[in-house]
Amino acid sequence: MSNGANGFRWESAGEDVVVYHHGRRASTLRGEAAAKFLEQVGAGDEQLLMARVTGNYKHGNERSGNR
């Protein structure tokens, strides 16, 4: 289980992985998706990975820093 500084956290529930965002269940990963998530979770930024699997990533309203 991981507690996230940016609002995401995850926990393993049997063979499933449950992802929470600000205390609410955002997504449940099962089967291949859960296995792939568990492989990738230690390899990089957990917060970014959880944002991607929940769909809470790049809504199109982000601004570039060069303006």
N, C-alpha and C. Protein backbone atom coordinates (compact mmCIF):
# COMPACT_ATOMS: atom_id res chain seq x y z
N MET A 1 0.84 -1.18 0.00
CA MET A 1 0.00 0.00 0.00
C MET A 1 0.88 1.23 0.00
N SER A 2 0.43 2.26 -0.65
CA SER A 2 1.19 3.49 -0.74
C SER A 2 0.28 4.67 -0.44
N ASN A 3 0.71 5.54 0.46
CA ASN A 3 -0.02 6.78 0.71
C ASN A 3 0.62 7.88 -0.10
N GLY A 4 -0.18 8.56 -0.90
CA GLY A 4 0.36 9.53 -1.83
C GLY A 4 0.30 10.95 -1.32
N ALA A 5 1.33 11.70 -1.62
CA ALA A 5 1.39 13.10 -1.24
C ALA A 5 0.48 13.95 -2.12
N ASN A 6 0.14 13.47 -3.31
CA ASN A 6 -0.68 14.24 -4.24
C ASN A 6 -2.12 13.76 -4.28
N GLY A 7 -2.55 13.03 -3.29
CA GLY A 7 -3.94 12.63 -3.22
C GLY A 7 -4.24 11.21 -3.65
N PHE A 8 -3.34 10.55 -4.33
CA PHE A 8 -3.57 9.18 -4.76
C PHE A 8 -2.94 8.22 -3.78
N ARG A 9 -3.59 7.10 -3.58
CA ARG A 9 -2.99 5.99 -2.83
C ARG A 9 -3.60 4.71 -3.39
N TRP A 10 -2.92 3.61 -3.17
CA TRP A 10 -3.42 2.34 -3.66
C TRP A 10 -3.25 1.27 -2.60
N GLU A 11 -4.07 0.23 -2.71
CA GLU A 11 -3.92 -0.92 -1.83
C GLU A 11 -4.30 -2.18 -2.58
N SER A 12 -3.66 -3.24 -2.21
CA SER A 12 -3.91 -4.52 -2.83
C SER A 12 -5.00 -5.24 -2.04
N ALA A 13 -6.00 -5.73 -2.77
CA ALA A 13 -7.11 -6.46 -2.16
C ALA A 13 -7.22 -7.81 -2.86
N GLY A 14 -6.46 -8.78 -2.37
CA GLY A 14 -6.41 -10.08 -3.04
C GLY A 14 -5.63 -9.96 -4.33
N GLU A 15 -6.26 -10.29 -5.44
CA GLU A 15 -5.62 -10.15 -6.75
C GLU A 15 -5.93 -8.81 -7.40
N ASP A 16 -6.78 -8.03 -6.77
CA ASP A 16 -7.17 -6.73 -7.30
C ASP A 16 -6.33 -5.62 -6.69
N VAL A 17 -6.26 -4.50 -7.38
CA VAL A 17 -5.61 -3.30 -6.87
C VAL A 17 -6.65 -2.19 -6.88
N VAL A 18 -6.85 -1.55 -5.73
CA VAL A 18 -7.82 -0.47 -5.62
C VAL A 18 -7.05 0.83 -5.50
N VAL A 19 -7.38 1.80 -6.35
CA VAL A 19 -6.74 3.11 -6.35
C VAL A 19 -7.73 4.13 -5.79
N TYR A 20 -7.28 4.91 -4.81
CA TYR A 20 -8.10 5.95 -4.19
C TYR A 20 -7.54 7.32 -4.53
N HIS A 21 -8.43 8.28 -4.68
CA HIS A 21 -8.03 9.67 -4.92
C HIS A 21 -8.76 10.52 -3.89
N HIS A 22 -8.00 11.16 -3.02
CA HIS A 22 -8.52 11.97 -1.92
C HIS A 22 -9.54 11.19 -1.08
N GLY A 23 -9.22 9.94 -0.79
CA GLY A 23 -10.04 9.12 0.09
C GLY A 23 -11.19 8.40 -0.58
N ARG A 24 -11.46 8.68 -1.83
CA ARG A 24 -12.55 8.02 -2.54
C ARG A 24 -12.00 7.01 -3.55
N ARG A 25 -12.71 5.92 -3.70
CA ARG A 25 -12.29 4.89 -4.66
C ARG A 25 -12.38 5.47 -6.07
N ALA A 26 -11.26 5.47 -6.78
CA ALA A 26 -11.23 6.02 -8.13
C ALA A 26 -11.23 4.93 -9.18
N SER A 27 -10.61 3.79 -8.88
CA SER A 27 -10.52 2.73 -9.87
C SER A 27 -10.17 1.42 -9.19
N THR A 28 -10.64 0.33 -9.78
CA THR A 28 -10.27 -1.01 -9.34
C THR A 28 -9.67 -1.73 -10.53
N LEU A 29 -8.45 -2.21 -10.37
CA LEU A 29 -7.75 -2.91 -11.44
C LEU A 29 -7.79 -4.39 -11.14
N ARG A 30 -8.11 -5.17 -12.17
CA ARG A 30 -8.19 -6.62 -12.02
C ARG A 30 -7.39 -7.31 -13.12
N GLY A 31 -6.98 -8.52 -12.85
CA GLY A 31 -6.32 -9.35 -13.85
C GLY A 31 -5.02 -8.77 -14.37
N GLU A 32 -4.91 -8.69 -15.71
CA GLU A 32 -3.69 -8.20 -16.35
C GLU A 32 -3.38 -6.76 -15.97
N ALA A 33 -4.42 -5.93 -15.87
CA ALA A 33 -4.21 -4.53 -15.53
C ALA A 33 -3.60 -4.38 -14.14
N ALA A 34 -4.06 -5.19 -13.19
CA ALA A 34 -3.51 -5.15 -11.84
C ALA A 34 -2.07 -5.64 -11.82
N ALA A 35 -1.79 -6.71 -12.56
CA ALA A 35 -0.43 -7.24 -12.61
C ALA A 35 0.53 -6.23 -13.23
N LYS A 36 0.11 -5.60 -14.31
CA LYS A 36 0.93 -4.59 -14.97
C LYS A 36 1.18 -3.40 -14.06
N PHE A 37 0.14 -2.97 -13.32
CA PHE A 37 0.28 -1.87 -12.38
C PHE A 37 1.31 -2.20 -11.30
N LEU A 38 1.23 -3.40 -10.74
CA LEU A 38 2.15 -3.80 -9.68
C LEU A 38 3.59 -3.90 -10.18
N GLU A 39 3.77 -4.25 -11.45
CA GLU A 39 5.12 -4.27 -12.03
C GLU A 39 5.68 -2.86 -12.17
N GLN A 40 4.83 -1.91 -12.56
CA GLN A 40 5.28 -0.56 -12.85
C GLN A 40 5.35 0.35 -11.63
N VAL A 41 4.69 -0.01 -10.55
CA VAL A 41 4.55 0.90 -9.42
C VAL A 41 5.89 1.25 -8.76
N GLY A 42 6.83 0.35 -8.74
CA GLY A 42 8.12 0.63 -8.12
C GLY A 42 9.15 1.24 -9.05
N ALA A 43 8.83 1.28 -10.33
CA ALA A 43 9.81 1.70 -11.33
C ALA A 43 9.84 3.21 -11.58
N GLY A 44 8.84 3.93 -11.13
CA GLY A 44 8.81 5.36 -11.44
C GLY A 44 7.94 6.13 -10.47
N ASP A 45 7.34 7.19 -10.97
CA ASP A 45 6.49 8.06 -10.16
C ASP A 45 5.13 7.40 -9.94
N GLU A 46 4.85 6.99 -8.72
CA GLU A 46 3.59 6.32 -8.41
C GLU A 46 2.40 7.22 -8.65
N GLN A 47 2.51 8.51 -8.29
CA GLN A 47 1.40 9.43 -8.44
C GLN A 47 1.00 9.57 -9.91
N LEU A 48 1.98 9.69 -10.78
CA LEU A 48 1.71 9.82 -12.21
C LEU A 48 1.07 8.54 -12.75
N LEU A 49 1.56 7.41 -12.33
CA LEU A 49 1.00 6.13 -12.77
C LEU A 49 -0.46 6.01 -12.34
N MET A 50 -0.75 6.35 -11.09
CA MET A 50 -2.13 6.26 -10.61
C MET A 50 -3.03 7.26 -11.31
N ALA A 51 -2.52 8.44 -11.63
CA ALA A 51 -3.32 9.42 -12.38
C ALA A 51 -3.65 8.87 -13.76
N ARG A 52 -2.71 8.20 -14.38
CA ARG A 52 -2.96 7.64 -15.71
C ARG A 52 -3.97 6.50 -15.68
N VAL A 53 -3.87 5.60 -14.71
CA VAL A 53 -4.79 4.46 -14.70
C VAL A 53 -6.20 4.87 -14.32
N THR A 54 -6.36 5.99 -13.60
CA THR A 54 -7.70 6.45 -13.24
C THR A 54 -8.29 7.38 -14.28
N GLY A 55 -7.48 7.84 -15.23
CA GLY A 55 -7.98 8.76 -16.24
C GLY A 55 -7.94 10.20 -15.79
N ASN A 56 -7.37 10.47 -14.63
CA ASN A 56 -7.30 11.81 -14.08
C ASN A 56 -5.96 12.43 -14.47
N TYR A 57 -5.74 12.57 -15.78
CA TYR A 57 -4.44 12.99 -16.28
C TYR A 57 -4.63 13.78 -17.56
N LYS A 58 -4.05 14.94 -17.65
CA LYS A 58 -4.05 15.78 -18.85
C LYS A 58 -5.45 16.01 -19.40
N HIS A 59 -6.13 16.97 -18.83
CA HIS A 59 -7.48 17.31 -19.26
C HIS A 59 -7.49 18.31 -20.41
N GLY A 60 -6.33 18.82 -20.77
CA GLY A 60 -6.27 19.78 -21.87
C GLY A 60 -6.22 21.22 -21.42
N ASN A 61 -6.37 21.45 -20.13
CA ASN A 61 -6.35 22.82 -19.65
C ASN A 61 -5.03 23.19 -18.98
N GLU A 62 -4.03 22.34 -19.13
CA GLU A 62 -2.71 22.63 -18.57
C GLU A 62 -2.01 23.64 -19.47
N ARG A 63 -1.31 24.57 -18.88
CA ARG A 63 -0.60 25.59 -19.64
C ARG A 63 0.88 25.26 -19.68
N SER A 64 1.51 25.66 -20.76
CA SER A 64 2.94 25.44 -20.84
C SER A 64 3.66 26.53 -20.06
N GLY A 65 4.86 26.26 -19.62
CA GLY A 65 5.62 27.20 -18.81
C GLY A 65 6.31 28.30 -19.60
N ASN A 66 6.26 28.28 -20.91
CA ASN A 66 6.97 29.25 -21.72
C ASN A 66 6.16 30.48 -22.09
N ARG A 67 4.98 30.63 -21.58
CA ARG A 67 4.13 31.76 -21.95
C ARG A 67 4.51 33.01 -21.23
